[in-house]
């Protein structure tokens, strides 16, 4: 299954979170990687993550057997951090 998410994290932050979530927490093996792409395998399936820089950053996923976990990760990276909401409010007040 293919998925796409948008986030205000940096591409580097997204990839670091992916290593933590899929590699450390779920125990998937990082089979290959590129400058903006990781491919994890394990449990009879795989997860591929590709990141495209922009505002917001676009994150593409391809998953087999790990769909629920990809959806959980997407929810994690798309949540706006409280300080980003706060800073946006401060900028609006300043004009």
PDB file of N, CA and C in Angstrom:
ATOM      1  N   UNK A   1       0.841  -1.162   0.000  1.00  0.00           N
ATOM      2  CA  UNK A   1       0.000   0.000   0.000  1.00  0.00           C
ATOM      3  C   UNK A   1       0.897   1.239   0.000  1.00  0.00           C
ATOM      4  N   UNK A   2       0.457   2.265  -0.689  1.00  0.00           N
ATOM      5  CA  UNK A   2       1.213   3.527  -0.741  1.00  0.00           C
ATOM      6  C   UNK A   2       0.493   4.596   0.080  1.00  0.00           C
ATOM      7  N   UNK A   3       1.285   5.428   0.734  1.00  0.00           N
ATOM      8  CA  UNK A   3       0.762   6.504   1.561  1.00  0.00           C
ATOM      9  C   UNK A   3       1.588   7.758   1.309  1.00  0.00           C
ATOM     10  N   UNK A   4       1.009   8.898   1.646  1.00  0.00           N
ATOM     11  CA  UNK A   4       1.749  10.163   1.607  1.00  0.00           C
ATOM     12  C   UNK A   4       1.316  11.001   2.796  1.00  0.00           C
ATOM     13  N   UNK A   5       2.273  11.680   3.399  1.00  0.00           N
ATOM     14  CA  UNK A   5       1.994  12.569   4.521  1.00  0.00           C
ATOM     15  C   UNK A   5       2.791  13.847   4.329  1.00  0.00           C
ATOM     16  N   UNK A   6       2.337  14.896   4.982  1.00  0.00           N
ATOM     17  CA  UNK A   6       3.068  16.160   4.987  1.00  0.00           C
ATOM     18  C   UNK A   6       3.370  16.520   6.430  1.00  0.00           C
ATOM     19  N   UNK A   7       4.552  17.078   6.641  1.00  0.00           N
ATOM     20  CA  UNK A   7       4.977  17.408   7.988  1.00  0.00           C
ATOM     21  C   UNK A   7       5.786  18.695   7.981  1.00  0.00           C
ATOM     22  N   UNK A   8       5.853  19.323   9.137  1.00  0.00           N
ATOM     23  CA  UNK A   8       6.683  20.512   9.288  1.00  0.00           C
ATOM     24  C   UNK A   8       8.016  20.175   9.950  1.00  0.00           C
ATOM     25  N   UNK A   9       8.293  18.878  10.101  1.00  0.00           N
ATOM     26  CA  UNK A   9       9.613  18.451  10.550  1.00  0.00           C
ATOM     27  C   UNK A   9      10.573  18.616   9.374  1.00  0.00           C
ATOM     28  N   UNK A  10      11.856  18.665   9.653  1.00  0.00           N
ATOM     29  CA  UNK A  10      12.836  18.708   8.570  1.00  0.00           C
ATOM     30  C   UNK A  10      13.007  17.293   8.006  1.00  0.00           C
ATOM     31  N   UNK A  11      13.510  17.171   6.778  1.00  0.00           N
ATOM     32  CA  UNK A  11      13.759  15.826   6.242  1.00  0.00           C
ATOM     33  C   UNK A  11      14.672  14.992   7.144  1.00  0.00           C
ATOM     34  N   UNK A  12      15.692  15.618   7.708  1.00  0.00           N
ATOM     35  CA  UNK A  12      16.605  14.903   8.600  1.00  0.00           C
ATOM     36  C   UNK A  12      15.869  14.389   9.835  1.00  0.00           C
ATOM     37  N   UNK A  13      14.990  15.219  10.412  1.00  0.00           N
ATOM     38  CA  UNK A  13      14.218  14.794  11.579  1.00  0.00           C
ATOM     39  C   UNK A  13      13.307  13.613  11.241  1.00  0.00           C
ATOM     40  N   UNK A  14      12.679  13.658  10.071  1.00  0.00           N
ATOM     41  CA  UNK A  14      11.793  12.562   9.656  1.00  0.00           C
ATOM     42  C   UNK A  14      12.580  11.261   9.547  1.00  0.00           C
ATOM     43  N   UNK A  15      13.736  11.304   8.918  1.00  0.00           N
ATOM     44  CA  UNK A  15      14.534  10.092   8.738  1.00  0.00           C
ATOM     45  C   UNK A  15      15.077   9.571  10.070  1.00  0.00           C
ATOM     46  N   UNK A  16      15.443  10.471  10.975  1.00  0.00           N
ATOM     47  CA  UNK A  16      15.891  10.042  12.302  1.00  0.00           C
ATOM     48  C   UNK A  16      14.750   9.374  13.064  1.00  0.00           C
ATOM     49  N   UNK A  17      13.555   9.956  12.973  1.00  0.00           N
ATOM     50  CA  UNK A  17      12.381   9.359  13.618  1.00  0.00           C
ATOM     51  C   UNK A  17      12.068   7.996  13.011  1.00  0.00           C
ATOM     52  N   UNK A  18      12.241   7.863  11.695  1.00  0.00           N
ATOM     53  CA  UNK A  18      11.971   6.591  11.020  1.00  0.00           C
ATOM     54  C   UNK A  18      12.918   5.499  11.516  1.00  0.00           C
ATOM     55  N   UNK A  19      14.183   5.826  11.685  1.00  0.00           N
ATOM     56  CA  UNK A  19      15.143   4.843  12.202  1.00  0.00           C
ATOM     57  C   UNK A  19      14.744   4.412  13.607  1.00  0.00           C
ATOM     58  N   UNK A  20      14.374   5.373  14.431  1.00  0.00           N
ATOM     59  CA  UNK A  20      13.962   5.060  15.794  1.00  0.00           C
ATOM     60  C   UNK A  20      12.697   4.209  15.814  1.00  0.00           C
ATOM     61  N   UNK A  21      11.692   4.608  15.045  1.00  0.00           N
ATOM     62  CA  UNK A  21      10.389   3.947  15.063  1.00  0.00           C
ATOM     63  C   UNK A  21      10.441   2.564  14.421  1.00  0.00           C
ATOM     64  N   UNK A  22      10.903   2.495  13.184  1.00  0.00           N
ATOM     65  CA  UNK A  22      10.880   1.226  12.459  1.00  0.00           C
ATOM     66  C   UNK A  22      12.066   0.328  12.808  1.00  0.00           C
ATOM     67  N   UNK A  23      13.233   0.923  12.995  1.00  0.00           N
ATOM     68  CA  UNK A  23      14.418   0.123  13.271  1.00  0.00           C
ATOM     69  C   UNK A  23      14.537  -0.303  14.717  1.00  0.00           C
ATOM     70  N   UNK A  24      14.526   0.662  15.630  1.00  0.00           N
ATOM     71  CA  UNK A  24      14.742   0.348  17.041  1.00  0.00           C
ATOM     72  C   UNK A  24      13.474  -0.201  17.686  1.00  0.00           C
ATOM     73  N   UNK A  25      12.362   0.522  17.571  1.00  0.00           N
ATOM     74  CA  UNK A  25      11.130   0.108  18.252  1.00  0.00           C
ATOM     75  C   UNK A  25      10.517  -1.159  17.661  1.00  0.00           C
ATOM     76  N   UNK A  26      10.445  -1.259  16.346  1.00  0.00           N
ATOM     77  CA  UNK A  26       9.796  -2.408  15.705  1.00  0.00           C
ATOM     78  C   UNK A  26      10.771  -3.510  15.300  1.00  0.00           C
ATOM     79  N   UNK A  27      12.051  -3.212  15.306  1.00  0.00           N
ATOM     80  CA  UNK A  27      13.055  -4.223  15.006  1.00  0.00           C
ATOM     81  C   UNK A  27      13.208  -4.581  13.538  1.00  0.00           C
ATOM     82  N   UNK A  28      12.781  -3.692  12.647  1.00  0.00           N
ATOM     83  CA  UNK A  28      12.980  -3.946  11.220  1.00  0.00           C
ATOM     84  C   UNK A  28      14.435  -3.649  10.854  1.00  0.00           C
ATOM     85  N   UNK A  29      14.939  -4.366   9.878  1.00  0.00           N
ATOM     86  CA  UNK A  29      16.324  -4.170   9.432  1.00  0.00           C
ATOM     87  C   UNK A  29      16.361  -3.122   8.328  1.00  0.00           C
ATOM     88  N   UNK A  30      17.299  -2.196   8.437  1.00  0.00           N
ATOM     89  CA  UNK A  30      17.503  -1.192   7.393  1.00  0.00           C
ATOM     90  C   UNK A  30      18.290  -1.867   6.271  1.00  0.00           C
ATOM     91  N   UNK A  31      17.597  -2.206   5.182  1.00  0.00           N
ATOM     92  CA  UNK A  31      18.226  -2.949   4.087  1.00  0.00           C
ATOM     93  C   UNK A  31      19.014  -2.039   3.153  1.00  0.00           C
ATOM     94  N   UNK A  32      18.469  -0.844   2.879  1.00  0.00           N
ATOM     95  CA  UNK A  32      19.186   0.092   2.010  1.00  0.00           C
ATOM     96  C   UNK A  32      18.769   1.508   2.362  1.00  0.00           C
ATOM     97  N   UNK A  33      19.632   2.435   1.984  1.00  0.00           N
ATOM     98  CA  UNK A  33      19.322   3.837   2.231  1.00  0.00           C
ATOM     99  C   UNK A  33      19.975   4.704   1.177  1.00  0.00           C
ATOM    100  N   UNK A  34      19.341   5.841   0.938  1.00  0.00           N
ATOM    101  CA  UNK A  34      19.866   6.856   0.044  1.00  0.00           C
ATOM    102  C   UNK A  34      19.836   8.175   0.780  1.00  0.00           C
ATOM    103  N   UNK A  35      20.121   9.273   0.103  1.00  0.00           N
ATOM    104  CA  UNK A  35      20.135  10.576   0.764  1.00  0.00           C
ATOM    105  C   UNK A  35      18.793  10.938   1.402  1.00  0.00           C
ATOM    106  N   UNK A  36      17.697  10.540   0.797  1.00  0.00           N
ATOM    107  CA  UNK A  36      16.377  10.886   1.331  1.00  0.00           C
ATOM    108  C   UNK A  36      15.436   9.682   1.265  1.00  0.00           C
ATOM    109  N   UNK A  37      15.991   8.479   1.431  1.00  0.00           N
ATOM    110  CA  UNK A  37      15.183   7.269   1.276  1.00  0.00           C
ATOM    111  C   UNK A  37      15.727   6.155   2.156  1.00  0.00           C
ATOM    112  N   UNK A  38      14.826   5.485   2.885  1.00  0.00           N
ATOM    113  CA  UNK A  38      15.176   4.315   3.690  1.00  0.00           C
ATOM    114  C   UNK A  38      14.279   3.160   3.291  1.00  0.00           C
ATOM    115  N   UNK A  39      14.835   1.952   3.304  1.00  0.00           N
ATOM    116  CA  UNK A  39      14.064   0.744   3.006  1.00  0.00           C
ATOM    117  C   UNK A  39      14.291  -0.248   4.148  1.00  0.00           C
ATOM    118  N   UNK A  40      13.228  -0.506   4.919  1.00  0.00           N
ATOM    119  CA  UNK A  40      13.278  -1.435   6.043  1.00  0.00           C
ATOM    120  C   UNK A  40      12.606  -2.744   5.650  1.00  0.00           C
ATOM    121  N   UNK A  41      13.126  -3.872   6.140  1.00  0.00           N
ATOM    122  CA  UNK A  41      12.517  -5.181   5.878  1.00  0.00           C
ATOM    123  C   UNK A  41      12.432  -5.976   7.177  1.00  0.00           C
ATOM    124  N   UNK A  42      11.472  -6.886   7.202  1.00  0.00           N
ATOM    125  CA  UNK A  42      11.316  -7.776   8.347  1.00  0.00           C
ATOM    126  C   UNK A  42       9.879  -8.219   8.496  1.00  0.00           C
ATOM    127  N   UNK A  43       9.698  -9.325   9.190  1.00  0.00           N
ATOM    128  CA  UNK A  43       8.357  -9.817   9.460  1.00  0.00           C
ATOM    129  C   UNK A  43       7.563 -10.165   8.218  1.00  0.00           C
ATOM    130  N   UNK A  44       8.230 -10.532   7.148  1.00  0.00           N
ATOM    131  CA  UNK A  44       7.538 -10.895   5.918  1.00  0.00           C
ATOM    132  C   UNK A  44       7.071  -9.721   5.085  1.00  0.00           C
ATOM    133  N   UNK A  45       7.516  -8.530   5.430  1.00  0.00           N
ATOM    134  CA  UNK A  45       7.100  -7.353   4.668  1.00  0.00           C
ATOM    135  C   UNK A  45       8.208  -6.327   4.587  1.00  0.00           C
ATOM    136  N   UNK A  46       7.837  -5.129   4.179  1.00  0.00           N
ATOM    137  CA  UNK A  46       8.823  -4.052   4.058  1.00  0.00           C
ATOM    138  C   UNK A  46       8.140  -2.692   4.215  1.00  0.00           C
ATOM    139  N   UNK A  47       8.960  -1.686   4.485  1.00  0.00           N
ATOM    140  CA  UNK A  47       8.524  -0.288   4.522  1.00  0.00           C
ATOM    141  C   UNK A  47       9.594   0.529   3.812  1.00  0.00           C
ATOM    142  N   UNK A  48       9.184   1.321   2.828  1.00  0.00           N
ATOM    143  CA  UNK A  48      10.091   2.242   2.147  1.00  0.00           C
ATOM    144  C   UNK A  48       9.609   3.657   2.427  1.00  0.00           C
ATOM    145  N   UNK A  49      10.530   4.510   2.841  1.00  0.00           N
ATOM    146  CA  UNK A  49      10.210   5.901   3.168  1.00  0.00           C
ATOM    147  C   UNK A  49      11.060   6.804   2.297  1.00  0.00           C
ATOM    148  N   UNK A  50      10.406   7.725   1.591  1.00  0.00           N
ATOM    149  CA  UNK A  50      11.097   8.720   0.766  1.00  0.00           C
ATOM    150  C   UNK A  50      10.653  10.100   1.220  1.00  0.00           C
ATOM    151  N   UNK A  51      11.608  11.009   1.340  1.00  0.00           N
ATOM    152  CA  UNK A  51      11.322  12.355   1.832  1.00  0.00           C
ATOM    153  C   UNK A  51      11.661  13.366   0.746  1.00  0.00           C
ATOM    154  N   UNK A  52      10.733  14.309   0.502  1.00  0.00           N
ATOM    155  CA  UNK A  52      10.965  15.395  -0.456  1.00  0.00           C
ATOM    156  C   UNK A  52      10.924  16.717   0.298  1.00  0.00           C
ATOM    157  N   UNK A  53      11.991  17.481   0.171  1.00  0.00           N
ATOM    158  CA  UNK A  53      12.090  18.760   0.868  1.00  0.00           C
ATOM    159  C   UNK A  53      11.081  19.754   0.315  1.00  0.00           C
ATOM    160  N   UNK A  54      10.597  20.615   1.172  1.00  0.00           N
ATOM    161  CA  UNK A  54       9.640  21.646   0.804  1.00  0.00           C
ATOM    162  C   UNK A  54       8.983  22.179   2.059  1.00  0.00           C
ATOM    163  N   UNK A  55       8.016  23.035   1.886  1.00  0.00           N
ATOM    164  CA  UNK A  55       7.242  23.547   3.017  1.00  0.00           C
ATOM    165  C   UNK A  55       5.780  23.316   2.699  1.00  0.00           C
ATOM    166  N   UNK A  56       5.163  22.321   3.265  1.00  0.00           N
ATOM    167  CA  UNK A  56       5.719  21.344   4.199  1.00  0.00           C
ATOM    168  C   UNK A  56       6.512  20.248   3.485  1.00  0.00           C
ATOM    169  N   UNK A  57       7.240  19.472   4.268  1.00  0.00           N
ATOM    170  CA  UNK A  57       8.010  18.342   3.751  1.00  0.00           C
ATOM    171  C   UNK A  57       7.038  17.222   3.387  1.00  0.00           C
ATOM    172  N   UNK A  58       7.219  16.611   2.220  1.00  0.00           N
ATOM    173  CA  UNK A  58       6.374  15.494   1.784  1.00  0.00           C
ATOM    174  C   UNK A  58       7.092  14.181   2.083  1.00  0.00           C
ATOM    175  N   UNK A  59       6.348  13.244   2.649  1.00  0.00           N
ATOM    176  CA  UNK A  59       6.904  11.941   2.990  1.00  0.00           C
ATOM    177  C   UNK A  59       6.056  10.875   2.297  1.00  0.00           C
ATOM    178  N   UNK A  60       6.695  10.064   1.457  1.00  0.00           N
ATOM    179  CA  UNK A  60       6.012   8.982   0.746  1.00  0.00           C
ATOM    180  C   UNK A  60       6.384   7.652   1.390  1.00  0.00           C
ATOM    181  N   UNK A  61       5.392   6.780   1.505  1.00  0.00           N
ATOM    182  CA  UNK A  61       5.587   5.463   2.106  1.00  0.00           C
ATOM    183  C   UNK A  61       5.102   4.392   1.146  1.00  0.00           C
ATOM    184  N   UNK A  62       5.778   3.271   1.163  1.00  0.00           N
ATOM    185  CA  UNK A  62       5.277   2.061   0.520  1.00  0.00           C
ATOM    186  C   UNK A  62       5.432   0.956   1.553  1.00  0.00           C
ATOM    187  N   UNK A  63       4.344   0.239   1.836  1.00  0.00           N
ATOM    188  CA  UNK A  63       4.384  -0.770   2.892  1.00  0.00           C
ATOM    189  C   UNK A  63       3.717  -2.062   2.450  1.00  0.00           C
ATOM    190  N   UNK A  64       4.256  -3.146   2.965  1.00  0.00           N
ATOM    191  CA  UNK A  64       3.605  -4.446   2.846  1.00  0.00           C
ATOM    192  C   UNK A  64       3.720  -5.114   4.211  1.00  0.00           C
ATOM    193  N   UNK A  65       2.584  -5.480   4.771  1.00  0.00           N
ATOM    194  CA  UNK A  65       2.468  -6.129   6.078  1.00  0.00           C
ATOM    195  C   UNK A  65       2.710  -5.181   7.258  1.00  0.00           C
ATOM    196  N   UNK A  66       2.997  -3.927   7.022  1.00  0.00           N
ATOM    197  CA  UNK A  66       3.270  -2.981   8.099  1.00  0.00           C
ATOM    198  C   UNK A  66       2.384  -1.739   7.990  1.00  0.00           C
ATOM    199  N   UNK A  67       1.200  -1.883   7.422  1.00  0.00           N
ATOM    200  CA  UNK A  67       0.330  -0.735   7.177  1.00  0.00           C
ATOM    201  C   UNK A  67      -0.099  -0.018   8.458  1.00  0.00           C
ATOM    202  N   UNK A  68      -0.495  -0.762   9.475  1.00  0.00           N
ATOM    203  CA  UNK A  68      -0.940  -0.132  10.727  1.00  0.00           C
ATOM    204  C   UNK A  68       0.194   0.667  11.364  1.00  0.00           C
ATOM    205  N   UNK A  69       1.400   0.140  11.296  1.00  0.00           N
ATOM    206  CA  UNK A  69       2.548   0.830  11.879  1.00  0.00           C
ATOM    207  C   UNK A  69       2.913   2.071  11.068  1.00  0.00           C
ATOM    208  N   UNK A  70       2.788   2.004   9.747  1.00  0.00           N
ATOM    209  CA  UNK A  70       3.034   3.180   8.911  1.00  0.00           C
ATOM    210  C   UNK A  70       2.016   4.266   9.244  1.00  0.00           C
ATOM    211  N   UNK A  71       0.755   3.889   9.426  1.00  0.00           N
ATOM    212  CA  UNK A  71      -0.270   4.872   9.774  1.00  0.00           C
ATOM    213  C   UNK A  71       0.013   5.502  11.132  1.00  0.00           C
ATOM    214  N   UNK A  72       0.502   4.710  12.095  1.00  0.00           N
ATOM    215  CA  UNK A  72       0.870   5.258  13.405  1.00  0.00           C
ATOM    216  C   UNK A  72       2.041   6.231  13.272  1.00  0.00           C
ATOM    217  N   UNK A  73       3.027   5.889  12.456  1.00  0.00           N
ATOM    218  CA  UNK A  73       4.170   6.773  12.242  1.00  0.00           C
ATOM    219  C   UNK A  73       3.732   8.065  11.554  1.00  0.00           C
ATOM    220  N   UNK A  74       2.836   7.940  10.580  1.00  0.00           N
ATOM    221  CA  UNK A  74       2.324   9.132   9.894  1.00  0.00           C
ATOM    222  C   UNK A  74       1.637  10.061  10.888  1.00  0.00           C
ATOM    223  N   UNK A  75       0.851   9.507  11.797  1.00  0.00           N
ATOM    224  CA  UNK A  75       0.183  10.327  12.813  1.00  0.00           C
ATOM    225  C   UNK A  75       1.209  11.019  13.701  1.00  0.00           C
ATOM    226  N   UNK A  76       2.291  10.322  14.004  1.00  0.00           N
ATOM    227  CA  UNK A  76       3.341  10.874  14.861  1.00  0.00           C
ATOM    228  C   UNK A  76       4.051  12.055  14.200  1.00  0.00           C
ATOM    229  N   UNK A  77       4.370  11.945  12.927  1.00  0.00           N
ATOM    230  CA  UNK A  77       5.148  13.017  12.285  1.00  0.00           C
ATOM    231  C   UNK A  77       4.284  14.174  11.792  1.00  0.00           C
ATOM    232  N   UNK A  78       2.984  13.967  11.666  1.00  0.00           N
ATOM    233  CA  UNK A  78       2.140  15.057  11.170  1.00  0.00           C
ATOM    234  C   UNK A  78       1.576  15.918  12.282  1.00  0.00           C
ATOM    235  N   UNK A  79       1.731  15.488  13.530  1.00  0.00           N
ATOM    236  CA  UNK A  79       1.280  16.317  14.645  1.00  0.00           C
ATOM    237  C   UNK A  79       2.122  17.572  14.708  1.00  0.00           C
ATOM    238  N   UNK A  80       1.463  18.704  14.811  1.00  0.00           N
ATOM    239  CA  UNK A  80       2.213  19.947  14.963  1.00  0.00           C
ATOM    240  C   UNK A  80       2.719  20.037  16.392  1.00  0.00           C
ATOM    241  N   UNK A  81       3.927  20.424  16.515  1.00  0.00           N
ATOM    242  CA  UNK A  81       4.504  20.587  17.841  1.00  0.00           C
ATOM    243  C   UNK A  81       3.956  21.859  18.460  1.00  0.00           C
ATOM    244  N   UNK A  82       3.768  21.821  19.773  1.00  0.00           N
ATOM    245  CA  UNK A  82       3.151  22.959  20.449  1.00  0.00           C
ATOM    246  C   UNK A  82       3.936  24.234  20.205  1.00  0.00           C
ATOM    247  N   UNK A  83       5.260  24.189  20.169  1.00  0.00           N
ATOM    248  CA  UNK A  83       6.040  25.415  20.015  1.00  0.00           C
ATOM    249  C   UNK A  83       5.904  25.997  18.624  1.00  0.00           C
ATOM    250  N   UNK A  84       5.626  25.157  17.619  1.00  0.00           N
ATOM    251  CA  UNK A  84       5.397  25.694  16.273  1.00  0.00           C
ATOM    252  C   UNK A  84       4.095  26.486  16.245  1.00  0.00           C
ATOM    253  N   UNK A  85       3.057  25.962  16.914  1.00  0.00           N
ATOM    254  CA  UNK A  85       1.791  26.699  16.991  1.00  0.00           C
ATOM    255  C   UNK A  85       1.990  27.996  17.767  1.00  0.00           C
ATOM    256  N   UNK A  86       2.748  27.923  18.864  1.00  0.00           N
ATOM    257  CA  UNK A  86       3.012  29.099  19.678  1.00  0.00           C
ATOM    258  C   UNK A  86       3.761  30.156  18.865  1.00  0.00           C
ATOM    259  N   UNK A  87       4.824  29.748  18.167  1.00  0.00           N
ATOM    260  CA  UNK A  87       5.637  30.682  17.390  1.00  0.00           C
ATOM    261  C   UNK A  87       4.825  31.317  16.274  1.00  0.00           C
ATOM    262  N   UNK A  88       3.961  30.537  15.636  1.00  0.00           N
ATOM    263  CA  UNK A  88       3.115  31.081  14.584  1.00  0.00           C
ATOM    264  C   UNK A  88       2.202  32.161  15.159  1.00  0.00           C
ATOM    265  N   UNK A  89       1.667  31.934  16.359  1.00  0.00           N
ATOM    266  CA  UNK A  89       0.828  32.932  17.022  1.00  0.00           C
ATOM    267  C   UNK A  89       1.608  34.195  17.353  1.00  0.00           C
ATOM    268  N   UNK A  90       2.837  34.042  17.809  1.00  0.00           N
ATOM    269  CA  UNK A  90       3.686  35.195  18.126  1.00  0.00           C
ATOM    270  C   UNK A  90       3.964  35.998  16.861  1.00  0.00           C
ATOM    271  N   UNK A  91       4.265  35.318  15.775  1.00  0.00           N
ATOM    272  CA  UNK A  91       4.544  36.012  14.518  1.00  0.00           C
ATOM    273  C   UNK A  91       3.317  36.776  14.028  1.00  0.00           C
ATOM    274  N   UNK A  92       2.138  36.201  14.198  1.00  0.00           N
ATOM    275  CA  UNK A  92       0.920  36.880  13.762  1.00  0.00           C
ATOM    276  C   UNK A  92       0.653  38.119  14.602  1.00  0.00           C
ATOM    277  N   UNK A  93       0.937  38.054  15.904  1.00  0.00           N
ATOM    278  CA  UNK A  93       0.741  39.204  16.780  1.00  0.00           C
ATOM    279  C   UNK A  93       1.689  40.345  16.424  1.00  0.00           C
ATOM    280  N   UNK A  94       2.894  40.006  15.998  1.00  0.00           N
ATOM    281  CA  UNK A  94       3.885  41.027  15.660  1.00  0.00           C
ATOM    282  C   UNK A  94       3.560  41.718  14.342  1.00  0.00           C
ATOM    283  N   UNK A  95       2.712  41.077  13.550  1.00  0.00           N
ATOM    284  CA  UNK A  95       2.280  41.712  12.310  1.00  0.00           C
ATOM    285  C   UNK A  95       3.036  41.264  11.164  1.00  0.00           C
TER     286      UNK A  95
END
